[in-house]
């Protein structure tokens, strides 16, 4: 198998937590366990924020390395 491309990895990193939020919202509507669902939503939103921050830091680091070694065009 080939490794996933960078855009697919980014998409999976961001859409995974969003899918969990939607699943938790659906379950919270169908089943009335609000405290447990709210805790699950909190954990999922936190993972989405962490994923977005890590991806932003990785992009910033990659861009700065590229600027450092490539130089002006």
PDB file of N, CA and C in Angstrom:
ATOM      1  N   UNK A   1       0.826  -1.185   0.000  1.00  0.00           N
ATOM      2  CA  UNK A   1       0.000   0.000   0.000  1.00  0.00           C
ATOM      3  C   UNK A   1       0.873   1.254   0.000  1.00  0.00           C
ATOM      4  N   UNK A   2       0.391   2.248  -0.711  1.00  0.00           N
ATOM      5  CA  UNK A   2       1.090   3.525  -0.739  1.00  0.00           C
ATOM      6  C   UNK A   2       0.709   4.346   0.489  1.00  0.00           C
ATOM      7  N   UNK A   3       1.634   5.163   0.981  1.00  0.00           N
ATOM      8  CA  UNK A   3       1.268   6.059   2.082  1.00  0.00           C
ATOM      9  C   UNK A   3       0.256   7.105   1.597  1.00  0.00           C
ATOM     10  N   UNK A   4      -0.559   7.563   2.510  1.00  0.00           N
ATOM     11  CA  UNK A   4      -1.559   8.566   2.158  1.00  0.00           C
ATOM     12  C   UNK A   4      -0.876   9.887   1.822  1.00  0.00           C
ATOM     13  N   UNK A   5      -1.479  10.616   0.898  1.00  0.00           N
ATOM     14  CA  UNK A   5      -0.933  11.919   0.533  1.00  0.00           C
ATOM     15  C   UNK A   5      -1.170  12.921   1.662  1.00  0.00           C
ATOM     16  N   UNK A   6      -0.432  14.003   1.641  1.00  0.00           N
ATOM     17  CA  UNK A   6      -0.537  15.016   2.692  1.00  0.00           C
ATOM     18  C   UNK A   6      -1.942  15.601   2.797  1.00  0.00           C
ATOM     19  N   UNK A   7      -2.601  15.955   1.674  1.00  0.00           N
ATOM     20  CA  UNK A   7      -3.961  16.491   1.818  1.00  0.00           C
ATOM     21  C   UNK A   7      -4.929  15.486   2.447  1.00  0.00           C
ATOM     22  N   UNK A   8      -4.757  14.210   2.136  1.00  0.00           N
ATOM     23  CA  UNK A   8      -5.638  13.205   2.741  1.00  0.00           C
ATOM     24  C   UNK A   8      -5.368  13.055   4.231  1.00  0.00           C
ATOM     25  N   UNK A   9      -4.128  13.145   4.631  1.00  0.00           N
ATOM     26  CA  UNK A   9      -3.809  13.070   6.057  1.00  0.00           C
ATOM     27  C   UNK A   9      -4.397  14.251   6.818  1.00  0.00           C
ATOM     28  N   UNK A  10      -4.294  15.435   6.239  1.00  0.00           N
ATOM     29  CA  UNK A  10      -4.857  16.627   6.872  1.00  0.00           C
ATOM     30  C   UNK A  10      -6.368  16.506   6.954  1.00  0.00           C
ATOM     31  N   UNK A  11      -6.983  16.063   5.878  1.00  0.00           N
ATOM     32  CA  UNK A  11      -8.431  15.900   5.858  1.00  0.00           C
ATOM     33  C   UNK A  11      -8.880  14.891   6.899  1.00  0.00           C
ATOM     34  N   UNK A  12      -8.182  13.776   7.011  1.00  0.00           N
ATOM     35  CA  UNK A  12      -8.538  12.759   7.999  1.00  0.00           C
ATOM     36  C   UNK A  12      -8.333  13.283   9.417  1.00  0.00           C
ATOM     37  N   UNK A  13      -7.281  14.063   9.625  1.00  0.00           N
ATOM     38  CA  UNK A  13      -7.014  14.603  10.959  1.00  0.00           C
ATOM     39  C   UNK A  13      -8.081  15.587  11.405  1.00  0.00           C
ATOM     40  N   UNK A  14      -8.656  16.304  10.462  1.00  0.00           N
ATOM     41  CA  UNK A  14      -9.675  17.287  10.815  1.00  0.00           C
ATOM     42  C   UNK A  14     -11.090  16.728  10.766  1.00  0.00           C
ATOM     43  N   UNK A  15     -11.360  15.825   9.843  1.00  0.00           N
ATOM     44  CA  UNK A  15     -12.715  15.294   9.721  1.00  0.00           C
ATOM     45  C   UNK A  15     -13.026  14.208  10.744  1.00  0.00           C
ATOM     46  N   UNK A  16     -12.011  13.529  11.259  1.00  0.00           N
ATOM     47  CA  UNK A  16     -12.243  12.492  12.258  1.00  0.00           C
ATOM     48  C   UNK A  16     -12.943  13.028  13.499  1.00  0.00           C
ATOM     49  N   UNK A  17     -12.388  14.050  14.152  1.00  0.00           N
ATOM     50  CA  UNK A  17     -13.074  14.607  15.323  1.00  0.00           C
ATOM     51  C   UNK A  17     -14.441  15.220  14.992  1.00  0.00           C
ATOM     52  N   UNK A  18     -14.575  15.803  13.813  1.00  0.00           N
ATOM     53  CA  UNK A  18     -15.876  16.371  13.421  1.00  0.00           C
ATOM     54  C   UNK A  18     -16.913  15.253  13.311  1.00  0.00           C
ATOM     55  N   UNK A  19     -16.516  14.121  12.766  1.00  0.00           N
ATOM     56  CA  UNK A  19     -17.432  12.982  12.664  1.00  0.00           C
ATOM     57  C   UNK A  19     -17.850  12.498  14.052  1.00  0.00           C
ATOM     58  N   UNK A  20     -16.919  12.516  15.008  1.00  0.00           N
ATOM     59  CA  UNK A  20     -17.264  12.117  16.367  1.00  0.00           C
ATOM     60  C   UNK A  20     -18.252  13.104  16.992  1.00  0.00           C
ATOM     61  N   UNK A  21     -18.060  14.390  16.750  1.00  0.00           N
ATOM     62  CA  UNK A  21     -18.999  15.391  17.286  1.00  0.00           C
ATOM     63  C   UNK A  21     -20.392  15.145  16.731  1.00  0.00           C
ATOM     64  N   UNK A  22     -20.485  14.908  15.431  1.00  0.00           N
ATOM     65  CA  UNK A  22     -21.794  14.636  14.835  1.00  0.00           C
ATOM     66  C   UNK A  22     -22.414  13.364  15.400  1.00  0.00           C
ATOM     67  N   UNK A  23     -21.596  12.339  15.605  1.00  0.00           N
ATOM     68  CA  UNK A  23     -22.112  11.096  16.182  1.00  0.00           C
ATOM     69  C   UNK A  23     -22.617  11.316  17.605  1.00  0.00           C
ATOM     70  N   UNK A  24     -21.855  12.067  18.405  1.00  0.00           N
ATOM     71  CA  UNK A  24     -22.294  12.350  19.768  1.00  0.00           C
ATOM     72  C   UNK A  24     -23.577  13.169  19.787  1.00  0.00           C
ATOM     73  N   UNK A  25     -23.690  14.124  18.877  1.00  0.00           N
ATOM     74  CA  UNK A  25     -24.919  14.922  18.810  1.00  0.00           C
ATOM     75  C   UNK A  25     -26.121  14.054  18.450  1.00  0.00           C
ATOM     76  N   UNK A  26     -25.936  13.150  17.508  1.00  0.00           N
ATOM     77  CA  UNK A  26     -27.019  12.237  17.121  1.00  0.00           C
ATOM     78  C   UNK A  26     -27.422  11.359  18.286  1.00  0.00           C
ATOM     79  N   UNK A  27     -26.459  10.827  18.992  1.00  0.00           N
ATOM     80  CA  UNK A  27     -26.761   9.978  20.139  1.00  0.00           C
ATOM     81  C   UNK A  27     -27.440  10.777  21.235  1.00  0.00           C
ATOM     82  N   UNK A  28     -27.014  12.011  21.444  1.00  0.00           N
ATOM     83  CA  UNK A  28     -27.627  12.825  22.495  1.00  0.00           C
ATOM     84  C   UNK A  28     -29.084  13.138  22.183  1.00  0.00           C
ATOM     85  N   UNK A  29     -29.415  13.207  20.903  1.00  0.00           N
ATOM     86  CA  UNK A  29     -30.815  13.435  20.528  1.00  0.00           C
ATOM     87  C   UNK A  29     -31.625  12.159  20.722  1.00  0.00           C
ATOM     88  N   UNK A  30     -31.048  11.018  20.350  1.00  0.00           N
ATOM     89  CA  UNK A  30     -31.783   9.760  20.419  1.00  0.00           C
ATOM     90  C   UNK A  30     -31.868   9.197  21.840  1.00  0.00           C
ATOM     91  N   UNK A  31     -30.829   9.374  22.619  1.00  0.00           N
ATOM     92  CA  UNK A  31     -30.783   8.848  23.983  1.00  0.00           C
ATOM     93  C   UNK A  31     -30.537  10.022  24.916  1.00  0.00           C
ATOM     94  N   UNK A  32     -31.211  10.040  26.007  1.00  0.00           N
ATOM     95  CA  UNK A  32     -31.148  11.209  26.882  1.00  0.00           C
ATOM     96  C   UNK A  32     -30.123  11.038  28.005  1.00  0.00           C
ATOM     97  N   UNK A  33     -28.858  10.744  27.665  1.00  0.00           N
ATOM     98  CA  UNK A  33     -27.764  10.701  28.632  1.00  0.00           C
ATOM     99  C   UNK A  33     -26.938  11.965  28.451  1.00  0.00           C
ATOM    100  N   UNK A  34     -27.473  13.086  28.858  1.00  0.00           N
ATOM    101  CA  UNK A  34     -26.868  14.363  28.496  1.00  0.00           C
ATOM    102  C   UNK A  34     -25.499  14.589  29.123  1.00  0.00           C
ATOM    103  N   UNK A  35     -25.301  14.183  30.370  1.00  0.00           N
ATOM    104  CA  UNK A  35     -24.012  14.460  31.020  1.00  0.00           C
ATOM    105  C   UNK A  35     -22.895  13.697  30.323  1.00  0.00           C
ATOM    106  N   UNK A  36     -23.130  12.414  30.042  1.00  0.00           N
ATOM    107  CA  UNK A  36     -22.110  11.612  29.380  1.00  0.00           C
ATOM    108  C   UNK A  36     -21.846  12.113  27.960  1.00  0.00           C
ATOM    109  N   UNK A  37     -22.891  12.502  27.270  1.00  0.00           N
ATOM    110  CA  UNK A  37     -22.748  13.005  25.905  1.00  0.00           C
ATOM    111  C   UNK A  37     -21.987  14.330  25.913  1.00  0.00           C
ATOM    112  N   UNK A  38     -22.288  15.194  26.859  1.00  0.00           N
ATOM    113  CA  UNK A  38     -21.574  16.467  26.939  1.00  0.00           C
ATOM    114  C   UNK A  38     -20.087  16.245  27.205  1.00  0.00           C
ATOM    115  N   UNK A  39     -19.759  15.295  28.045  1.00  0.00           N
ATOM    116  CA  UNK A  39     -18.359  14.986  28.301  1.00  0.00           C
ATOM    117  C   UNK A  39     -17.687  14.458  27.034  1.00  0.00           C
ATOM    118  N   UNK A  40     -18.369  13.595  26.308  1.00  0.00           N
ATOM    119  CA  UNK A  40     -17.831  13.089  25.046  1.00  0.00           C
ATOM    120  C   UNK A  40     -17.622  14.199  24.037  1.00  0.00           C
ATOM    121  N   UNK A  41     -18.585  15.114  23.962  1.00  0.00           N
ATOM    122  CA  UNK A  41     -18.451  16.257  23.057  1.00  0.00           C
ATOM    123  C   UNK A  41     -17.270  17.139  23.443  1.00  0.00           C
ATOM    124  N   UNK A  42     -17.089  17.339  24.730  1.00  0.00           N
ATOM    125  CA  UNK A  42     -15.973  18.160  25.192  1.00  0.00           C
ATOM    126  C   UNK A  42     -14.633  17.532  24.809  1.00  0.00           C
ATOM    127  N   UNK A  43     -14.511  16.228  25.008  1.00  0.00           N
ATOM    128  CA  UNK A  43     -13.277  15.538  24.649  1.00  0.00           C
ATOM    129  C   UNK A  43     -13.045  15.598  23.147  1.00  0.00           C
ATOM    130  N   UNK A  44     -14.103  15.427  22.369  1.00  0.00           N
ATOM    131  CA  UNK A  44     -13.973  15.431  20.916  1.00  0.00           C
ATOM    132  C   UNK A  44     -13.604  16.815  20.389  1.00  0.00           C
ATOM    133  N   UNK A  45     -14.226  17.836  20.907  1.00  0.00           N
ATOM    134  CA  UNK A  45     -13.898  19.202  20.477  1.00  0.00           C
ATOM    135  C   UNK A  45     -12.455  19.529  20.866  1.00  0.00           C
ATOM    136  N   UNK A  46     -12.035  19.076  22.037  1.00  0.00           N
ATOM    137  CA  UNK A  46     -10.650  19.308  22.440  1.00  0.00           C
ATOM    138  C   UNK A  46      -9.679  18.619  21.489  1.00  0.00           C
ATOM    139  N   UNK A  47     -10.011  17.405  21.048  1.00  0.00           N
ATOM    140  CA  UNK A  47      -9.122  16.712  20.111  1.00  0.00           C
ATOM    141  C   UNK A  47      -9.093  17.411  18.758  1.00  0.00           C
ATOM    142  N   UNK A  48     -10.210  17.994  18.341  1.00  0.00           N
ATOM    143  CA  UNK A  48     -10.239  18.752  17.091  1.00  0.00           C
ATOM    144  C   UNK A  48      -9.342  19.985  17.193  1.00  0.00           C
ATOM    145  N   UNK A  49      -9.408  20.676  18.318  1.00  0.00           N
ATOM    146  CA  UNK A  49      -8.581  21.865  18.509  1.00  0.00           C
ATOM    147  C   UNK A  49      -7.101  21.489  18.529  1.00  0.00           C
ATOM    148  N   UNK A  50      -6.771  20.408  19.232  1.00  0.00           N
ATOM    149  CA  UNK A  50      -5.372  19.971  19.285  1.00  0.00           C
ATOM    150  C   UNK A  50      -4.889  19.575  17.896  1.00  0.00           C
ATOM    151  N   UNK A  51      -5.711  18.850  17.133  1.00  0.00           N
ATOM    152  CA  UNK A  51      -5.320  18.452  15.777  1.00  0.00           C
ATOM    153  C   UNK A  51      -5.078  19.675  14.901  1.00  0.00           C
ATOM    154  N   UNK A  52      -5.951  20.673  14.990  1.00  0.00           N
ATOM    155  CA  UNK A  52      -5.781  21.873  14.181  1.00  0.00           C
ATOM    156  C   UNK A  52      -4.514  22.631  14.574  1.00  0.00           C
ATOM    157  N   UNK A  53      -4.238  22.721  15.879  1.00  0.00           N
ATOM    158  CA  UNK A  53      -3.026  23.409  16.328  1.00  0.00           C
ATOM    159  C   UNK A  53      -1.765  22.682  15.877  1.00  0.00           C
ATOM    160  N   UNK A  54      -1.752  21.359  15.998  1.00  0.00           N
ATOM    161  CA  UNK A  54      -0.579  20.590  15.581  1.00  0.00           C
ATOM    162  C   UNK A  54      -0.352  20.741  14.083  1.00  0.00           C
ATOM    163  N   UNK A  55      -1.427  20.671  13.303  1.00  0.00           N
ATOM    164  CA  UNK A  55      -1.283  20.833  11.861  1.00  0.00           C
ATOM    165  C   UNK A  55      -0.786  22.235  11.504  1.00  0.00           C
ATOM    166  N   UNK A  56      -1.262  23.241  12.222  1.00  0.00           N
ATOM    167  CA  UNK A  56      -0.801  24.605  11.957  1.00  0.00           C
ATOM    168  C   UNK A  56       0.681  24.753  12.302  1.00  0.00           C
ATOM    169  N   UNK A  57       1.105  24.169  13.423  1.00  0.00           N
ATOM    170  CA  UNK A  57       2.512  24.233  13.802  1.00  0.00           C
ATOM    171  C   UNK A  57       3.395  23.483  12.803  1.00  0.00           C
ATOM    172  N   UNK A  58       2.943  22.334  12.350  1.00  0.00           N
ATOM    173  CA  UNK A  58       3.711  21.576  11.361  1.00  0.00           C
ATOM    174  C   UNK A  58       3.849  22.357  10.062  1.00  0.00           C
ATOM    175  N   UNK A  59       2.765  22.993   9.640  1.00  0.00           N
ATOM    176  CA  UNK A  59       2.832  23.780   8.410  1.00  0.00           C
ATOM    177  C   UNK A  59       3.772  24.971   8.566  1.00  0.00           C
ATOM    178  N   UNK A  60       3.690  25.636   9.703  1.00  0.00           N
ATOM    179  CA  UNK A  60       4.569  26.773   9.947  1.00  0.00           C
ATOM    180  C   UNK A  60       6.034  26.335   9.940  1.00  0.00           C
ATOM    181  N   UNK A  61       6.318  25.227  10.599  1.00  0.00           N
ATOM    182  CA  UNK A  61       7.687  24.724  10.618  1.00  0.00           C
ATOM    183  C   UNK A  61       8.181  24.337   9.240  1.00  0.00           C
ATOM    184  N   UNK A  62       7.322  23.686   8.455  1.00  0.00           N
ATOM    185  CA  UNK A  62       7.696  23.299   7.100  1.00  0.00           C
ATOM    186  C   UNK A  62       7.933  24.527   6.237  1.00  0.00           C
ATOM    187  N   UNK A  63       7.084  25.529   6.358  1.00  0.00           N
ATOM    188  CA  UNK A  63       7.246  26.751   5.568  1.00  0.00           C
ATOM    189  C   UNK A  63       8.532  27.491   5.942  1.00  0.00           C
ATOM    190  N   UNK A  64       8.841  27.547   7.242  1.00  0.00           N
ATOM    191  CA  UNK A  64      10.057  28.255   7.644  1.00  0.00           C
ATOM    192  C   UNK A  64      11.304  27.498   7.190  1.00  0.00           C
ATOM    193  N   UNK A  65      11.282  26.165   7.249  1.00  0.00           N
ATOM    194  CA  UNK A  65      12.413  25.376   6.735  1.00  0.00           C
ATOM    195  C   UNK A  65      12.573  25.578   5.236  1.00  0.00           C
ATOM    196  N   UNK A  66      11.467  25.624   4.543  1.00  0.00           N
ATOM    197  CA  UNK A  66      11.518  25.825   3.088  1.00  0.00           C
ATOM    198  C   UNK A  66      12.112  27.190   2.756  1.00  0.00           C
ATOM    199  N   UNK A  67      11.674  28.222   3.484  1.00  0.00           N
ATOM    200  CA  UNK A  67      12.212  29.561   3.250  1.00  0.00           C
ATOM    201  C   UNK A  67      13.702  29.623   3.595  1.00  0.00           C
ATOM    202  N   UNK A  68      14.104  28.906   4.612  1.00  0.00           N
ATOM    203  CA  UNK A  68      15.492  28.937   5.054  1.00  0.00           C
ATOM    204  C   UNK A  68      16.421  28.284   4.047  1.00  0.00           C
ATOM    205  N   UNK A  69      16.003  27.163   3.458  1.00  0.00           N
ATOM    206  CA  UNK A  69      16.897  26.440   2.567  1.00  0.00           C
ATOM    207  C   UNK A  69      16.721  26.806   1.100  1.00  0.00           C
ATOM    208  N   UNK A  70      15.547  27.233   0.711  1.00  0.00           N
ATOM    209  CA  UNK A  70      15.327  27.572  -0.702  1.00  0.00           C
ATOM    210  C   UNK A  70      15.771  28.994  -0.966  1.00  0.00           C
ATOM    211  N   UNK A  71      15.452  29.898  -0.076  1.00  0.00           N
ATOM    212  CA  UNK A  71      15.821  31.301  -0.273  1.00  0.00           C
ATOM    213  C   UNK A  71      14.868  31.979  -1.231  1.00  0.00           C
ATOM    214  N   UNK A  72      15.087  33.252  -1.484  1.00  0.00           N
ATOM    215  CA  UNK A  72      14.189  33.982  -2.392  1.00  0.00           C
ATOM    216  C   UNK A  72      14.347  33.491  -3.821  1.00  0.00           C
ATOM    217  N   UNK A  73      13.241  33.539  -4.537  1.00  0.00           N
ATOM    218  CA  UNK A  73      13.239  33.050  -5.921  1.00  0.00           C
ATOM    219  C   UNK A  73      13.704  34.095  -6.905  1.00  0.00           C
TER     220      UNK A  73
END
